[in-house]
Amino acid sequence: MTMGDRLRELRLRKNISQEEVARQIGITRSAYSHYEINNRQPVYETLKKLAVLFNVSLDYIIGGEQQSKPDTQMMPEAIEIIRILGSMDQDKRKQSIDRMMAVIRSAE
């Protein structure tokens, strides 16, 4: 099975469109569709985002035999938070996480 086949299978299993995958990982639908038809290979950072989105290992995406992780639906908001945190430098990421944790603690 090619990487494109695997990405398509994961997307269909999650029952989302190419547009939704692209939006959640921060690329264009056209770029993502090229991955599914094996015209392009995603860069490492995009592969990491796809692994998080589909809740599988990088090895599984690139064609390894490792089974996917148990399917737990991640809220779109959580995926967006991960994407935003991943784009921050280390200090801003720590500050943001500290603020989020303070809000969570105050809500308990």
C-alpha atoms as a PDB file:
ATOM      1  CA  MET A   1       0.000   0.000   0.000  1.00  0.00           C
ATOM      2  CA  THR A   2       1.410   3.419  -0.948  1.00  0.00           C
ATOM      3  CA  MET A   3       1.506   6.410   1.372  1.00  0.00           C
ATOM      4  CA  GLY A   4      -1.219   8.030  -0.722  1.00  0.00           C
ATOM      5  CA  ASP A   5      -3.433   4.962  -0.370  1.00  0.00           C
ATOM      6  CA  ARG A   6      -2.838   4.943   3.361  1.00  0.00           C
ATOM      7  CA  LEU A   7      -3.673   8.669   3.689  1.00  0.00           C
ATOM      8  CA  ARG A   8      -6.865   8.203   1.685  1.00  0.00           C
ATOM      9  CA  GLU A   9      -7.856   5.209   3.806  1.00  0.00           C
ATOM     10  CA  LEU A  10      -7.233   7.124   7.041  1.00  0.00           C
ATOM     11  CA  ARG A  11      -9.200  10.136   5.786  1.00  0.00           C
ATOM     12  CA  LEU A  12     -12.158   8.010   4.706  1.00  0.00           C
ATOM     13  CA  ARG A  13     -12.095   6.096   7.984  1.00  0.00           C
ATOM     14  CA  LYS A  14     -12.373   9.429   9.777  1.00  0.00           C
ATOM     15  CA  ASN A  15     -15.131  10.436   7.320  1.00  0.00           C
ATOM     16  CA  ILE A  16     -13.708  13.859   6.480  1.00  0.00           C
ATOM     17  CA  SER A  17     -13.011  15.622   3.202  1.00  0.00           C
ATOM     18  CA  GLN A  18      -9.657  16.478   1.676  1.00  0.00           C
ATOM     19  CA  GLU A  19     -10.569  20.125   2.301  1.00  0.00           C
ATOM     20  CA  GLU A  20     -11.043  19.432   6.021  1.00  0.00           C
ATOM     21  CA  VAL A  21      -7.734  17.565   6.308  1.00  0.00           C
ATOM     22  CA  ALA A  22      -5.939  20.395   4.519  1.00  0.00           C
ATOM     23  CA  ARG A  23      -7.545  23.045   6.747  1.00  0.00           C
ATOM     24  CA  GLN A  24      -6.687  21.191   9.934  1.00  0.00           C
ATOM     25  CA  ILE A  25      -3.013  20.734   9.033  1.00  0.00           C
ATOM     26  CA  GLY A  26      -2.554  24.161   7.437  1.00  0.00           C
ATOM     27  CA  ILE A  27      -2.053  23.359   3.745  1.00  0.00           C
ATOM     28  CA  THR A  28      -4.126  23.722   0.581  1.00  0.00           C
ATOM     29  CA  ARG A  29      -6.592  21.073  -0.540  1.00  0.00           C
ATOM     30  CA  SER A  30      -4.661  20.807  -3.786  1.00  0.00           C
ATOM     31  CA  ALA A  31      -1.417  20.033  -1.943  1.00  0.00           C
ATOM     32  CA  TYR A  32      -3.142  17.371   0.137  1.00  0.00           C
ATOM     33  CA  SER A  33      -4.786  15.779  -2.903  1.00  0.00           C
ATOM     34  CA  HIS A  34      -1.332  15.392  -4.473  1.00  0.00           C
ATOM     35  CA  TYR A  35      -0.282  13.363  -1.426  1.00  0.00           C
ATOM     36  CA  GLU A  36      -3.222  10.989  -1.849  1.00  0.00           C
ATOM     37  CA  ILE A  37      -2.497  10.400  -5.540  1.00  0.00           C
ATOM     38  CA  ASN A  38       1.241  10.001  -4.908  1.00  0.00           C
ATOM     39  CA  ASN A  39       2.278  13.016  -7.004  1.00  0.00           C
ATOM     40  CA  ARG A  40       4.056  14.608  -4.019  1.00  0.00           C
ATOM     41  CA  GLN A  41       5.549  13.588  -0.706  1.00  0.00           C
ATOM     42  CA  PRO A  42       4.725  15.609   2.415  1.00  0.00           C
ATOM     43  CA  VAL A  43       7.565  17.246   4.309  1.00  0.00           C
ATOM     44  CA  TYR A  44       8.376  15.970   7.792  1.00  0.00           C
ATOM     45  CA  GLU A  45       6.399  18.681   9.614  1.00  0.00           C
ATOM     46  CA  THR A  46       3.307  17.899   7.538  1.00  0.00           C
ATOM     47  CA  LEU A  47       3.743  14.178   8.191  1.00  0.00           C
ATOM     48  CA  LYS A  48       3.778  14.885  11.937  1.00  0.00           C
ATOM     49  CA  LYS A  49       0.557  16.883  11.651  1.00  0.00           C
ATOM     50  CA  LEU A  50      -1.081  14.101   9.636  1.00  0.00           C
ATOM     51  CA  ALA A  51      -0.046  11.544  12.262  1.00  0.00           C
ATOM     52  CA  VAL A  52      -1.640  13.664  14.998  1.00  0.00           C
ATOM     53  CA  LEU A  53      -4.786  14.279  12.961  1.00  0.00           C
ATOM     54  CA  PHE A  54      -5.269  10.608  12.115  1.00  0.00           C
ATOM     55  CA  ASN A  55      -3.980   9.384  15.502  1.00  0.00           C
ATOM     56  CA  VAL A  56      -1.410   7.034  13.973  1.00  0.00           C
ATOM     57  CA  SER A  57       2.364   6.719  14.016  1.00  0.00           C
ATOM     58  CA  LEU A  58       4.601   8.273  11.372  1.00  0.00           C
ATOM     59  CA  ASP A  59       5.745   4.748  10.556  1.00  0.00           C
ATOM     60  CA  TYR A  60       2.184   3.721   9.765  1.00  0.00           C
ATOM     61  CA  ILE A  61       1.668   6.676   7.401  1.00  0.00           C
ATOM     62  CA  ILE A  62       4.828   6.062   5.426  1.00  0.00           C
ATOM     63  CA  GLY A  63       3.992   2.410   4.921  1.00  0.00           C
ATOM     64  CA  GLY A  64       5.221   0.591   7.979  1.00  0.00           C
ATOM     65  CA  GLU A  65       3.400  -2.393   9.337  1.00  0.00           C
ATOM     66  CA  GLN A  66       2.719  -0.891  12.751  1.00  0.00           C
ATOM     67  CA  GLN A  67      -0.964  -0.864  13.510  1.00  0.00           C
ATOM     68  CA  SER A  68      -2.681   2.441  14.013  1.00  0.00           C
ATOM     69  CA  LYS A  69      -3.321   3.655  17.529  1.00  0.00           C
ATOM     70  CA  PRO A  70      -6.805   3.140  18.939  1.00  0.00           C
ATOM     71  CA  ASP A  71      -9.169   5.500  17.143  1.00  0.00           C
ATOM     72  CA  THR A  72     -10.128   8.297  19.477  1.00  0.00           C
ATOM     73  CA  GLN A  73     -11.761  11.314  17.944  1.00  0.00           C
ATOM     74  CA  MET A  74      -9.802  14.467  18.612  1.00  0.00           C
ATOM     75  CA  MET A  75     -11.881  17.615  18.649  1.00  0.00           C
ATOM     76  CA  PRO A  76     -11.060  19.994  15.777  1.00  0.00           C
ATOM     77  CA  GLU A  77     -10.325  22.681  18.363  1.00  0.00           C
ATOM     78  CA  ALA A  78      -7.673  20.477  19.986  1.00  0.00           C
ATOM     79  CA  ILE A  79      -6.031  19.882  16.623  1.00  0.00           C
ATOM     80  CA  GLU A  80      -6.011  23.631  15.956  1.00  0.00           C
ATOM     81  CA  ILE A  81      -4.445  24.295  19.374  1.00  0.00           C
ATOM     82  CA  ILE A  82      -1.730  21.707  18.656  1.00  0.00           C
ATOM     83  CA  ARG A  83      -1.082  23.307  15.259  1.00  0.00           C
ATOM     84  CA  ILE A  84      -0.806  26.793  16.769  1.00  0.00           C
ATOM     85  CA  LEU A  85       1.407  25.639  19.650  1.00  0.00           C
ATOM     86  CA  GLY A  86       3.650  23.804  17.191  1.00  0.00           C
ATOM     87  CA  SER A  87       4.253  27.001  15.252  1.00  0.00           C
ATOM     88  CA  MET A  88       5.358  28.982  18.334  1.00  0.00           C
ATOM     89  CA  ASP A  89       8.853  29.331  19.698  1.00  0.00           C
ATOM     90  CA  GLN A  90       9.550  27.444  22.922  1.00  0.00           C
ATOM     91  CA  ASP A  91       9.058  30.432  25.286  1.00  0.00           C
ATOM     92  CA  LYS A  92       5.720  31.491  23.787  1.00  0.00           C
ATOM     93  CA  ARG A  93       4.531  27.871  23.747  1.00  0.00           C
ATOM     94  CA  LYS A  94       5.356  27.483  27.462  1.00  0.00           C
ATOM     95  CA  GLN A  95       3.618  30.775  28.319  1.00  0.00           C
ATOM     96  CA  SER A  96       0.538  29.751  26.351  1.00  0.00           C
ATOM     97  CA  ILE A  97       0.367  26.324  27.964  1.00  0.00           C
ATOM     98  CA  ASP A  98       0.783  27.875  31.424  1.00  0.00           C
ATOM     99  CA  ARG A  99      -2.112  30.261  30.706  1.00  0.00           C
ATOM    100  CA  MET A 100      -4.333  27.465  29.436  1.00  0.00           C
ATOM    101  CA  MET A 101      -3.575  25.366  32.504  1.00  0.00           C
ATOM    102  CA  ALA A 102      -4.436  28.317  34.776  1.00  0.00           C
ATOM    103  CA  VAL A 103      -7.799  28.699  33.031  1.00  0.00           C
ATOM    104  CA  ILE A 104      -8.474  24.963  33.322  1.00  0.00           C
ATOM    105  CA  ARG A 105      -7.580  24.939  37.030  1.00  0.00           C
ATOM    106  CA  SER A 106      -9.829  27.938  37.735  1.00  0.00           C
ATOM    107  CA  ALA A 107     -12.759  26.149  36.034  1.00  0.00           C
ATOM    108  CA  GLU A 108     -12.461  23.059  38.264  1.00  0.00           C
END
